[in-house]
Every structure is written in C-alpha cells, then in structure tokens.
C-alpha atoms as a PDB file:
ATOM      1  CA  MET A   1      -0.008  -0.094  -0.007  1.00  0.00           C
ATOM      2  CA  LYS A   2       1.122   3.620  -0.866  1.00  0.00           C
ATOM      3  CA  LEU A   3      -0.217   6.545   0.759  1.00  0.00           C
ATOM      4  CA  THR A   4       0.492  10.116  -0.444  1.00  0.00           C
ATOM      5  CA  PHE A   5      -0.014  13.221   1.641  1.00  0.00           C
ATOM      6  CA  GLU A   6      -0.300  16.648   0.260  1.00  0.00           C
ATOM      7  CA  GLY A   7      -0.564  20.050   1.910  1.00  0.00           C
ATOM      8  CA  ALA A   8       0.577  23.842   1.858  1.00  0.00           C
ATOM      9  CA  ASN A   9       2.871  23.105   4.955  1.00  0.00           C
ATOM     10  CA  MET A  10       3.888  20.358   7.304  1.00  0.00           C
ATOM     11  CA  ARG A  11       1.095  21.054   9.764  1.00  0.00           C
ATOM     12  CA  GLU A  12      -1.456  20.097   6.930  1.00  0.00           C
ATOM     13  CA  ILE A  13       0.352  17.019   6.042  1.00  0.00           C
ATOM     14  CA  ILE A  14       0.767  15.913   9.767  1.00  0.00           C
ATOM     15  CA  ASP A  15      -3.027  16.363  10.268  1.00  0.00           C
ATOM     16  CA  GLU A  16      -3.975  14.307   7.241  1.00  0.00           C
ATOM     17  CA  MET A  17      -1.625  11.473   8.559  1.00  0.00           C
ATOM     18  CA  ARG A  18      -3.249  11.632  11.991  1.00  0.00           C
ATOM     19  CA  SER A  19      -6.656  11.456  10.330  1.00  0.00           C
ATOM     20  CA  VAL A  20      -5.676   8.350   8.406  1.00  0.00           C
ATOM     21  CA  ILE A  21      -4.105   6.752  11.482  1.00  0.00           C
ATOM     22  CA  ALA A  22      -7.297   7.431  13.597  1.00  0.00           C
ATOM     23  CA  ALA A  23      -9.367   6.018  10.710  1.00  0.00           C
ATOM     24  CA  SER A  24      -7.379   2.737  10.743  1.00  0.00           C
ATOM     25  CA  HIS A  25      -7.796   2.480  14.528  1.00  0.00           C
ATOM     26  CA  GLU A  26     -11.611   2.999  14.176  1.00  0.00           C
ATOM     27  CA  TYR A  27     -11.628   0.372  11.471  1.00  0.00           C
ATOM     28  CA  ARG A  28      -9.846  -2.173  13.563  1.00  0.00           C
ATOM     29  CA  LYS A  29     -12.306  -1.503  16.478  1.00  0.00           C
ATOM     30  CA  ILE A  30     -15.311  -1.999  14.349  1.00  0.00           C
ATOM     31  CA  ALA A  31     -13.794  -5.195  12.768  1.00  0.00           C
ATOM     32  CA  GLU A  32     -13.112  -6.738  16.247  1.00  0.00           C
ATOM     33  CA  THR A  33     -16.845  -5.785  17.276  1.00  0.00           C
ATOM     34  CA  ARG A  34     -18.577  -7.150  14.074  1.00  0.00           C
ATOM     35  CA  SER A  35     -18.485 -10.815  12.708  1.00  0.00           C
ATOM     36  CA  GLU A  36     -19.036  -9.622   9.208  1.00  0.00           C
ATOM     37  CA  ALA A  37     -16.719  -7.571   7.176  1.00  0.00           C
ATOM     38  CA  PRO A  38     -16.900  -3.946   7.942  1.00  0.00           C
ATOM     39  CA  ASP A  39     -16.731  -0.942   5.820  1.00  0.00           C
ATOM     40  CA  PRO A  40     -12.989  -0.220   5.060  1.00  0.00           C
ATOM     41  CA  VAL A  41     -12.924   3.439   5.997  1.00  0.00           C
ATOM     42  CA  PRO A  42     -15.512   5.889   7.065  1.00  0.00           C
ATOM     43  CA  GLU A  43     -16.348   8.005   4.027  1.00  0.00           C
ATOM     44  CA  ALA A  44     -15.979  11.388   5.911  1.00  0.00           C
ATOM     45  CA  THR A  45     -12.054  10.820   6.436  1.00  0.00           C
ATOM     46  CA  VAL A  46     -11.327   9.799   2.728  1.00  0.00           C
ATOM     47  CA  GLN A  47     -10.556  12.635   0.565  1.00  0.00           C
ATOM     48  CA  GLU A  48     -11.325  12.358  -3.121  1.00  0.00           C
ATOM     49  CA  ALA A  49      -8.290  12.234  -5.429  1.00  0.00           C
ATOM     50  CA  ILE A  50      -8.437  14.531  -8.575  1.00  0.00           C
ATOM     51  CA  ALA A  51      -6.524  12.157 -10.603  1.00  0.00           C
ATOM     52  CA  PRO A  52      -4.453   9.252  -9.646  1.00  0.00           C
ATOM     53  CA  VAL A  53      -0.729   9.879 -10.235  1.00  0.00           C
ATOM     54  CA  ASP A  54       0.228   6.370 -11.457  1.00  0.00           C
ATOM     55  CA  LYS A  55      -2.799   5.654 -13.778  1.00  0.00           C
ATOM     56  CA  PRO A  56      -2.528   7.200 -17.235  1.00  0.00           C
ATOM     57  CA  VAL A  57      -5.646   9.393 -18.676  1.00  0.00           C
ATOM     58  CA  GLU A  58      -7.164   7.611 -21.473  1.00  0.00           C
ATOM     59  CA  LYS A  59      -7.437   9.773 -24.418  1.00  0.00           C
ATOM     60  CA  PRO A  60     -10.188   9.287 -26.823  1.00  0.00           C
ATOM     61  CA  ALA A  61      -9.430   7.705 -30.128  1.00  0.00           C
ATOM     62  CA  ALA A  62      -9.116   9.976 -32.952  1.00  0.00           C
ATOM     63  CA  LYS A  63     -11.348   9.393 -35.880  1.00  0.00           C
ATOM     64  CA  PRO A  64      -9.684   8.595 -39.032  1.00  0.00           C
ATOM     65  CA  LYS A  65     -10.155  11.443 -41.651  1.00  0.00           C
ATOM     66  CA  GLU A  66     -11.926  10.745 -44.719  1.00  0.00           C
ATOM     67  CA  ARG A  67      -9.889  10.445 -47.832  1.00  0.00           C
ATOM     68  CA  THR A  68     -10.810  12.802 -50.549  1.00  0.00           C
ATOM     69  CA  THR A  69     -11.743  11.473 -54.066  1.00  0.00           C
ATOM     70  CA  LYS A  70      -8.382  12.960 -55.447  1.00  0.00           C
ATOM     71  CA  GLN A  71      -6.280  11.056 -52.828  1.00  0.00           C
ATOM     72  CA  LYS A  72      -8.147   7.825 -53.732  1.00  0.00           C
ATOM     73  CA  GLU A  73      -7.500   8.120 -57.577  1.00  0.00           C
ATOM     74  CA  ASN A  74      -3.944   9.024 -56.731  1.00  0.00           C
ATOM     75  CA  ASP A  75      -3.618   5.789 -54.607  1.00  0.00           C
ATOM     76  CA  GLU A  76      -5.102   3.612 -57.235  1.00  0.00           C
ATOM     77  CA  ARG A  77      -2.828   5.240 -59.770  1.00  0.00           C
ATOM     78  CA  LEU A  78       0.270   4.311 -57.617  1.00  0.00           C
ATOM     79  CA  ARG A  79      -0.841   0.798 -56.838  1.00  0.00           C
ATOM     80  CA  ALA A  80      -1.364   0.251 -60.687  1.00  0.00           C
ATOM     81  CA  ALA A  81       2.107   1.656 -61.386  1.00  0.00           C
ATOM     82  CA  ALA A  82       3.805  -0.550 -58.864  1.00  0.00           C
ATOM     83  CA  LYS A  83       1.861  -3.636 -60.147  1.00  0.00           C
ATOM     84  CA  ALA A  84       3.047  -3.000 -63.528  1.00  0.00           C
ATOM     85  CA  LYS A  85       6.650  -2.399 -62.509  1.00  0.00           C
ATOM     86  CA  GLN A  86       6.673  -5.776 -60.618  1.00  0.00           C
ATOM     87  CA  ALA A  87       5.280  -7.356 -63.752  1.00  0.00           C
ATOM     88  CA  ALA A  88       7.935  -5.965 -65.852  1.00  0.00           C
ATOM     89  CA  LYS A  89      10.495  -7.133 -63.456  1.00  0.00           C
ATOM     90  CA  LYS A  90       9.275 -10.756 -63.602  1.00  0.00           C
ATOM     91  CA  THR A  91       9.267 -10.770 -67.365  1.00  0.00           C
ATOM     92  CA  ALA A  92      12.594  -9.031 -67.795  1.00  0.00           C
ATOM     93  CA  LYS A  93      14.498 -11.425 -65.377  1.00  0.00           C
ATOM     94  CA  PRO A  94      16.388 -13.931 -67.642  1.00  0.00           C
ATOM     95  CA  ALA A  95      16.687 -17.554 -66.380  1.00  0.00           C
ATOM     96  CA  ALA A  96      19.810 -17.841 -64.287  1.00  0.00           C
ATOM     97  CA  PRO A  97      22.322 -19.930 -66.086  1.00  0.00           C
ATOM     98  CA  ALA A  98      23.438 -23.175 -64.569  1.00  0.00           C
ATOM     99  CA  PRO A  99      26.489 -22.854 -62.412  1.00  0.00           C
ATOM    100  CA  GLU A 100      29.658 -24.206 -64.161  1.00  0.00           C
ATOM    101  CA  GLU A 101      32.852 -24.978 -62.307  1.00  0.00           C
ATOM    102  CA  GLU A 102      35.171 -21.997 -62.516  1.00  0.00           C
ATOM    103  CA  GLU A 103      38.841 -22.761 -63.465  1.00  0.00           C
ATOM    104  CA  PRO A 104      41.564 -20.809 -61.844  1.00  0.00           C
ATOM    105  CA  LYS A 105      42.045 -17.524 -63.803  1.00  0.00           C
ATOM    106  CA  PRO A 106      45.587 -17.009 -65.045  1.00  0.00           C
ATOM    107  CA  PHE A 107      47.791 -14.135 -64.282  1.00  0.00           C
ATOM    108  CA  GLY A 108      49.636 -13.224 -67.137  1.00  0.00           C
ATOM    109  CA  GLU A 109      50.599 -16.330 -69.073  1.00  0.00           C
ATOM    110  CA  VAL A 110      50.781 -18.588 -66.101  1.00  0.00           C
ATOM    111  CA  GLU A 111      47.622 -20.306 -64.473  1.00  0.00           C
ATOM    112  CA  VAL A 112      47.572 -19.873 -60.565  1.00  0.00           C
ATOM    113  CA  ASN A 113      45.528 -21.673 -57.960  1.00  0.00           C
ATOM    114  CA  PRO A 114      43.526 -19.323 -55.590  1.00  0.00           C
ATOM    115  CA  ALA A 115      44.984 -20.800 -52.474  1.00  0.00           C
ATOM    116  CA  ASP A 116      48.492 -20.063 -54.011  1.00  0.00           C
ATOM    117  CA  ILE A 117      47.442 -16.524 -54.549  1.00  0.00           C
ATOM    118  CA  VAL A 118      46.326 -16.184 -50.933  1.00  0.00           C
ATOM    119  CA  LYS A 119      49.607 -17.474 -49.543  1.00  0.00           C
ATOM    120  CA  LEU A 120      51.623 -15.192 -52.110  1.00  0.00           C
ATOM    121  CA  ARG A 121      49.665 -12.286 -51.007  1.00  0.00           C
ATOM    122  CA  GLN A 122      50.213 -12.946 -47.366  1.00  0.00           C
ATOM    123  CA  ARG A 123      53.967 -13.359 -47.695  1.00  0.00           C
ATOM    124  CA  THR A 124      54.178 -10.200 -49.976  1.00  0.00           C
ATOM    125  CA  LEU A 125      52.301  -8.302 -47.247  1.00  0.00           C
ATOM    126  CA  GLU A 126      54.491  -9.343 -44.653  1.00  0.00           C
ATOM    127  CA  ASP A 127      57.597  -8.562 -46.595  1.00  0.00           C
ATOM    128  CA  LEU A 128      56.244  -5.186 -47.417  1.00  0.00           C
ATOM    129  CA  GLN A 129      55.367  -4.490 -43.867  1.00  0.00           C
ATOM    130  CA  THR A 130      58.641  -5.541 -42.639  1.00  0.00           C
ATOM    131  CA  ALA A 131      60.460  -3.335 -45.168  1.00  0.00           C
ATOM    132  CA  TYR A 132      58.439  -0.318 -44.272  1.00  0.00           C
ATOM    133  CA  ALA A 133      58.988  -0.709 -40.522  1.00  0.00           C
ATOM    134  CA  ASN A 134      62.932  -1.106 -41.262  1.00  0.00           C
ATOM    135  CA  GLY A 135      63.039   2.323 -42.994  1.00  0.00           C
ATOM    136  CA  HIS A 136      62.259   1.398 -46.727  1.00  0.00           C
ATOM    137  CA  HIS A 137      59.435   3.804 -47.123  1.00  0.00           C
ATOM    138  CA  LYS A 138      60.323   5.071 -50.566  1.00  0.00           C
ATOM    139  CA  GLU A 139      60.961   1.709 -52.019  1.00  0.00           C
ATOM    140  CA  VAL A 140      57.507   0.217 -50.592  1.00  0.00           C
ATOM    141  CA  LEU A 141      55.648   3.281 -51.817  1.00  0.00           C
ATOM    142  CA  GLU A 142      57.333   2.966 -55.178  1.00  0.00           C
ATOM    143  CA  LEU A 143      56.238  -0.636 -55.457  1.00  0.00           C
ATOM    144  CA  LEU A 144      52.528   0.128 -54.329  1.00  0.00           C
ATOM    145  CA  SER A 145      52.204   2.983 -56.869  1.00  0.00           C
ATOM    146  CA  ARG A 146      53.876   1.334 -59.797  1.00  0.00           C
ATOM    147  CA  PHE A 147      52.304  -2.220 -59.522  1.00  0.00           C
ATOM    148  CA  GLY A 148      49.143  -1.291 -57.596  1.00  0.00           C
ATOM    149  CA  ASN A 149      47.666   1.222 -59.907  1.00  0.00           C
ATOM    150  CA  GLY A 150      48.820   4.112 -57.690  1.00  0.00           C
ATOM    151  CA  ALA A 151      47.693   2.490 -54.496  1.00  0.00           C
ATOM    152  CA  LYS A 152      48.996   4.413 -51.327  1.00  0.00           C
ATOM    153  CA  SER A 153      48.348   1.736 -48.847  1.00  0.00           C
ATOM    154  CA  PHE A 154      48.268  -2.118 -48.473  1.00  0.00           C
ATOM    155  CA  ARG A 155      44.375  -2.345 -48.506  1.00  0.00           C
ATOM    156  CA  GLU A 156      44.153  -0.406 -51.780  1.00  0.00           C
ATOM    157  CA  LEU A 157      46.086  -3.073 -53.634  1.00  0.00           C
ATOM    158  CA  PRO A 158      44.162  -5.227 -56.201  1.00  0.00           C
ATOM    159  CA  VAL A 159      44.628  -8.888 -55.980  1.00  0.00           C
ATOM    160  CA  ASP A 160      46.473  -9.103 -59.337  1.00  0.00           C
ATOM    161  CA  ALA A 161      49.200  -6.514 -58.187  1.00  0.00           C
ATOM    162  CA  PHE A 162      50.697  -9.144 -55.834  1.00  0.00           C
ATOM    163  CA  VAL A 163      52.229 -11.305 -58.536  1.00  0.00           C
ATOM    164  CA  PRO A 164      54.379  -8.487 -59.958  1.00  0.00           C
ATOM    165  CA  ILE A 165      55.038  -6.886 -56.647  1.00  0.00           C
ATOM    166  CA  ARG A 166      56.375 -10.491 -55.409  1.00  0.00           C
ATOM    167  CA  GLU A 167      58.584 -10.822 -58.494  1.00  0.00           C
ATOM    168  CA  ALA A 168      59.910  -7.280 -57.968  1.00  0.00           C
ATOM    169  CA  ILE A 169      60.748  -8.195 -54.322  1.00  0.00           C
ATOM    170  CA  ASP A 170      62.448 -11.255 -55.498  1.00  0.00           C
ATOM    171  CA  ASN A 171      64.514  -9.333 -57.941  1.00  0.00           C
ATOM    172  CA  GLY A 172      65.822  -7.224 -55.047  1.00  0.00           C
ATOM    173  CA  ALA A 173      63.365  -4.142 -55.245  1.00  0.00           C
ATOM    174  CA  LEU A 174      63.476  -3.787 -51.359  1.00  0.00           C
ATOM    175  CA  ALA A 175      67.337  -4.318 -50.794  1.00  0.00           C
END
C-alpha cells in the first residue's frame, strides 16, 4: 500500500496523517466488534483524489480522416504503377544460367591456384610491412604506386598486383 499526503505546509500533512491513523484505529475496533466484514474506512475521512498519479488518463481515439476522391485516385494510380513495375521485373528477369565450375584464372601467362594467390599475398604483405618498418619507405611506396595502380596503402592493392610486386621483391626491389 502506498499513501501520499499533500498540503501547503507540514502542519496540514501531519493532520492528514493523524486522520488516516485515527481512521485505521476505528476500522480495527469495528472489525473486532462485528463478525461480518466492516466498511473499510469511514467515508468522511477519505479525501477524493483529483486524478491518480500512477494511472494514465485515457485519450479518446481519434477518428480517421475521410480520404478525398483525389487522394483515392492517386492511390489507385500508384498501386497500378507498382503492379506494372513488378510485372515488368518478373518478365525481364532472364533465367539463371546453370552454375559451371570456375577454372583458376591466369595471371599473365601462367595459371595460378586461388590458394596459392592467398599465400603469395600474405607473404608479400609481410615483406612489404617489414620493409616499411625497417625504413624502406620510398621503396615500398614505389612498388605500391607502380604495380598497385597508384595505391598508397596495402588495403588499396588489387589482387592481381601481388604477383608483379612479389617478382619485384624477389629481384631485389627492397634491398
């Protein structure tokens, strides 16, 4: 149970508290004398609340606005356009070709396995990062810009740039 007391000053609040306590004592006395359930609290001591604090006030539901004829026509036109667009999409879609096994794509004249490309890329990146950390800034940036289509960082390098960069490193470009 939660009781809230309101007043202009402490005296009014204390008076309200005393009246509630007195009412509870009266209730207890009545309950002891009667065998049936007594009235909870005499009506004279209960103050009527204006609006409960913890219960929200229900707002009346807003009536939906009637749509004008022009709005209805516009909606119908938009629905028809959307249906026509969907139908055009369905008919314009070509049947998906049967998946074929992809062969490894050659870099230059030699065919390379994708797993080998990943290993080559990792090894090349490690060498480039090590060289950059050891002070070969100009050489690393030269390799990136020459073979990486003007790339200025390792992330900008395209996959096909690692083979020529690796060949350049093997030929002593970072020495």
